[in-house]
């Protein structure tokens, strides 16, 4: 029972999960030729954010948790990179890109705050 809801209570995980669902929905309309390219990269990187947060939440020390949260932060940057590439290749409508980018920025901000709090 000690893990009941665990990481799910973290706002940053909730936002990361929403981002991943959003990415999956958006990439469903990407060209089929990108299934193993950008589509796969965006999905893997976005789902990695939540997975790293969940895994990190189970670590015993702040230092160990921080390592996982920093990996999640790096995955958010990877998502940002592939979003820009997707926009440049015109796989995204600009409005959809802005919505997803806003979600990435929110998750990144929350992760940064979480990492900072562990360092204090």
C-alpha atoms as a PDB file:
ATOM      1  CA  UNK A   1       0.000   0.000   0.000  1.00  0.00           C
ATOM      2  CA  UNK A   2       2.975   2.368   0.481  1.00  0.00           C
ATOM      3  CA  UNK A   3       3.163   2.993  -3.291  1.00  0.00           C
ATOM      4  CA  UNK A   4      -0.541   3.680  -3.703  1.00  0.00           C
ATOM      5  CA  UNK A   5      -0.670   6.625  -6.099  1.00  0.00           C
ATOM      6  CA  UNK A   6       3.029   7.420  -5.365  1.00  0.00           C
ATOM      7  CA  UNK A   7       4.384   9.272  -8.383  1.00  0.00           C
ATOM      8  CA  UNK A   8       0.844   9.895  -9.656  1.00  0.00           C
ATOM      9  CA  UNK A   9       0.459  12.520  -6.940  1.00  0.00           C
ATOM     10  CA  UNK A  10       3.296  14.581  -8.411  1.00  0.00           C
ATOM     11  CA  UNK A  11       1.994  17.451 -10.521  1.00  0.00           C
ATOM     12  CA  UNK A  12       5.056  17.200 -12.746  1.00  0.00           C
ATOM     13  CA  UNK A  13       4.261  13.542 -13.496  1.00  0.00           C
ATOM     14  CA  UNK A  14       0.603  14.411 -14.213  1.00  0.00           C
ATOM     15  CA  UNK A  15       1.682  17.120 -16.661  1.00  0.00           C
ATOM     16  CA  UNK A  16       4.276  14.825 -18.264  1.00  0.00           C
ATOM     17  CA  UNK A  17       1.614  12.151 -18.712  1.00  0.00           C
ATOM     18  CA  UNK A  18      -0.754  14.642 -20.358  1.00  0.00           C
ATOM     19  CA  UNK A  19       2.084  15.712 -22.662  1.00  0.00           C
ATOM     20  CA  UNK A  20       2.731  12.114 -23.699  1.00  0.00           C
ATOM     21  CA  UNK A  21      -0.941  11.522 -24.487  1.00  0.00           C
ATOM     22  CA  UNK A  22      -0.969  14.765 -26.478  1.00  0.00           C
ATOM     23  CA  UNK A  23       2.149  13.697 -28.410  1.00  0.00           C
ATOM     24  CA  UNK A  24       0.618  10.318 -29.237  1.00  0.00           C
ATOM     25  CA  UNK A  25      -2.534  11.985 -30.564  1.00  0.00           C
ATOM     26  CA  UNK A  26      -0.629  14.570 -32.606  1.00  0.00           C
ATOM     27  CA  UNK A  27       1.789  12.086 -34.133  1.00  0.00           C
ATOM     28  CA  UNK A  28      -1.046   9.790 -35.221  1.00  0.00           C
ATOM     29  CA  UNK A  29      -1.450  12.135 -38.179  1.00  0.00           C
ATOM     30  CA  UNK A  30       2.229  12.191 -39.132  1.00  0.00           C
ATOM     31  CA  UNK A  31       3.241  10.559 -42.436  1.00  0.00           C
ATOM     32  CA  UNK A  32       3.453   6.776 -42.249  1.00  0.00           C
ATOM     33  CA  UNK A  33       7.021   7.040 -43.563  1.00  0.00           C
ATOM     34  CA  UNK A  34       7.919   8.638 -40.213  1.00  0.00           C
ATOM     35  CA  UNK A  35       6.547   5.784 -38.102  1.00  0.00           C
ATOM     36  CA  UNK A  36      10.074   4.621 -37.235  1.00  0.00           C
ATOM     37  CA  UNK A  37      11.566   8.102 -37.443  1.00  0.00           C
ATOM     38  CA  UNK A  38      10.242  11.279 -35.861  1.00  0.00           C
ATOM     39  CA  UNK A  39       6.977   9.683 -34.710  1.00  0.00           C
ATOM     40  CA  UNK A  40       8.856   7.024 -32.787  1.00  0.00           C
ATOM     41  CA  UNK A  41      11.415   9.483 -31.406  1.00  0.00           C
ATOM     42  CA  UNK A  42       8.763  11.906 -30.142  1.00  0.00           C
ATOM     43  CA  UNK A  43       6.736   9.140 -28.528  1.00  0.00           C
ATOM     44  CA  UNK A  44       9.728   7.526 -26.879  1.00  0.00           C
ATOM     45  CA  UNK A  45      11.190  10.792 -25.603  1.00  0.00           C
ATOM     46  CA  UNK A  46       7.877  12.041 -24.247  1.00  0.00           C
ATOM     47  CA  UNK A  47       7.029   8.769 -22.526  1.00  0.00           C
ATOM     48  CA  UNK A  48      10.544   8.712 -21.071  1.00  0.00           C
ATOM     49  CA  UNK A  49       9.829  11.922 -19.175  1.00  0.00           C
ATOM     50  CA  UNK A  50       7.054  10.375 -17.107  1.00  0.00           C
ATOM     51  CA  UNK A  51       8.899   7.072 -16.737  1.00  0.00           C
ATOM     52  CA  UNK A  52      12.018   8.802 -15.368  1.00  0.00           C
ATOM     53  CA  UNK A  53       9.913  10.824 -12.925  1.00  0.00           C
ATOM     54  CA  UNK A  54       8.147   7.667 -11.733  1.00  0.00           C
ATOM     55  CA  UNK A  55      11.392   5.747 -11.364  1.00  0.00           C
ATOM     56  CA  UNK A  56      13.131   8.645  -9.641  1.00  0.00           C
ATOM     57  CA  UNK A  57      10.320   8.997  -7.142  1.00  0.00           C
ATOM     58  CA  UNK A  58      11.198   5.554  -5.803  1.00  0.00           C
ATOM     59  CA  UNK A  59      14.837   6.392  -5.086  1.00  0.00           C
ATOM     60  CA  UNK A  60      15.807   6.647  -1.431  1.00  0.00           C
ATOM     61  CA  UNK A  61      18.045   9.701  -1.542  1.00  0.00           C
ATOM     62  CA  UNK A  62      17.581  13.158  -3.002  1.00  0.00           C
ATOM     63  CA  UNK A  63      20.799  12.740  -4.978  1.00  0.00           C
ATOM     64  CA  UNK A  64      19.491   9.581  -6.649  1.00  0.00           C
ATOM     65  CA  UNK A  65      16.084  11.149  -7.332  1.00  0.00           C
ATOM     66  CA  UNK A  66      17.819  14.140  -8.894  1.00  0.00           C
ATOM     67  CA  UNK A  67      19.647  11.930 -11.416  1.00  0.00           C
ATOM     68  CA  UNK A  68      16.336  10.587 -12.735  1.00  0.00           C
ATOM     69  CA  UNK A  69      14.670  13.994 -12.756  1.00  0.00           C
ATOM     70  CA  UNK A  70      17.622  15.410 -14.708  1.00  0.00           C
ATOM     71  CA  UNK A  71      17.215  12.608 -17.260  1.00  0.00           C
ATOM     72  CA  UNK A  72      13.534  13.528 -17.544  1.00  0.00           C
ATOM     73  CA  UNK A  73      14.557  17.153 -18.066  1.00  0.00           C
ATOM     74  CA  UNK A  74      16.923  16.078 -20.846  1.00  0.00           C
ATOM     75  CA  UNK A  75      14.150  14.031 -22.461  1.00  0.00           C
ATOM     76  CA  UNK A  76      11.964  17.151 -22.455  1.00  0.00           C
ATOM     77  CA  UNK A  77      14.704  18.925 -24.425  1.00  0.00           C
ATOM     78  CA  UNK A  78      14.745  16.007 -26.864  1.00  0.00           C
ATOM     79  CA  UNK A  79      10.979  16.374 -27.331  1.00  0.00           C
ATOM     80  CA  UNK A  80      11.448  20.102 -27.934  1.00  0.00           C
ATOM     81  CA  UNK A  81      14.041  19.349 -30.618  1.00  0.00           C
ATOM     82  CA  UNK A  82      11.814  16.877 -32.465  1.00  0.00           C
ATOM     83  CA  UNK A  83       8.844  19.236 -32.200  1.00  0.00           C
ATOM     84  CA  UNK A  84      10.836  21.915 -33.984  1.00  0.00           C
ATOM     85  CA  UNK A  85      11.907  19.453 -36.658  1.00  0.00           C
ATOM     86  CA  UNK A  86       8.304  18.319 -37.090  1.00  0.00           C
ATOM     87  CA  UNK A  87       7.170  21.921 -37.486  1.00  0.00           C
ATOM     88  CA  UNK A  88       9.910  22.648 -40.019  1.00  0.00           C
ATOM     89  CA  UNK A  89       8.861  19.578 -42.013  1.00  0.00           C
ATOM     90  CA  UNK A  90       5.259  20.814 -41.832  1.00  0.00           C
ATOM     91  CA  UNK A  91       3.967  17.784 -39.926  1.00  0.00           C
ATOM     92  CA  UNK A  92       2.372  20.138 -37.388  1.00  0.00           C
ATOM     93  CA  UNK A  93      -0.027  22.978 -37.888  1.00  0.00           C
ATOM     94  CA  UNK A  94       1.467  25.997 -36.141  1.00  0.00           C
ATOM     95  CA  UNK A  95      -1.380  26.175 -33.603  1.00  0.00           C
ATOM     96  CA  UNK A  96      -0.938  22.524 -32.607  1.00  0.00           C
ATOM     97  CA  UNK A  97       2.815  23.006 -32.350  1.00  0.00           C
ATOM     98  CA  UNK A  98       2.320  25.984 -30.018  1.00  0.00           C
ATOM     99  CA  UNK A  99       0.009  23.944 -27.768  1.00  0.00           C
ATOM    100  CA  UNK A 100       2.433  21.042 -27.491  1.00  0.00           C
ATOM    101  CA  UNK A 101       5.427  23.345 -27.032  1.00  0.00           C
ATOM    102  CA  UNK A 102       3.601  25.103 -24.204  1.00  0.00           C
ATOM    103  CA  UNK A 103       3.071  21.735 -22.507  1.00  0.00           C
ATOM    104  CA  UNK A 104       6.772  20.848 -22.937  1.00  0.00           C
ATOM    105  CA  UNK A 105       7.786  24.171 -21.436  1.00  0.00           C
ATOM    106  CA  UNK A 106       5.470  23.633 -18.454  1.00  0.00           C
ATOM    107  CA  UNK A 107       6.882  20.172 -17.786  1.00  0.00           C
ATOM    108  CA  UNK A 108      10.443  21.474 -18.160  1.00  0.00           C
ATOM    109  CA  UNK A 109       9.760  24.313 -15.728  1.00  0.00           C
ATOM    110  CA  UNK A 110       8.232  21.944 -13.157  1.00  0.00           C
ATOM    111  CA  UNK A 111      11.161  19.542 -13.504  1.00  0.00           C
ATOM    112  CA  UNK A 112      13.636  22.380 -13.095  1.00  0.00           C
ATOM    113  CA  UNK A 113      11.859  23.492  -9.920  1.00  0.00           C
ATOM    114  CA  UNK A 114      11.810  19.927  -8.597  1.00  0.00           C
ATOM    115  CA  UNK A 115      15.528  19.462  -9.270  1.00  0.00           C
ATOM    116  CA  UNK A 116      16.314  22.814  -7.623  1.00  0.00           C
ATOM    117  CA  UNK A 117      14.298  21.834  -4.533  1.00  0.00           C
ATOM    118  CA  UNK A 118      16.333  18.651  -4.149  1.00  0.00           C
ATOM    119  CA  UNK A 119      19.573  20.596  -4.234  1.00  0.00           C
ATOM    120  CA  UNK A 120      18.585  22.727  -1.241  1.00  0.00           C
END
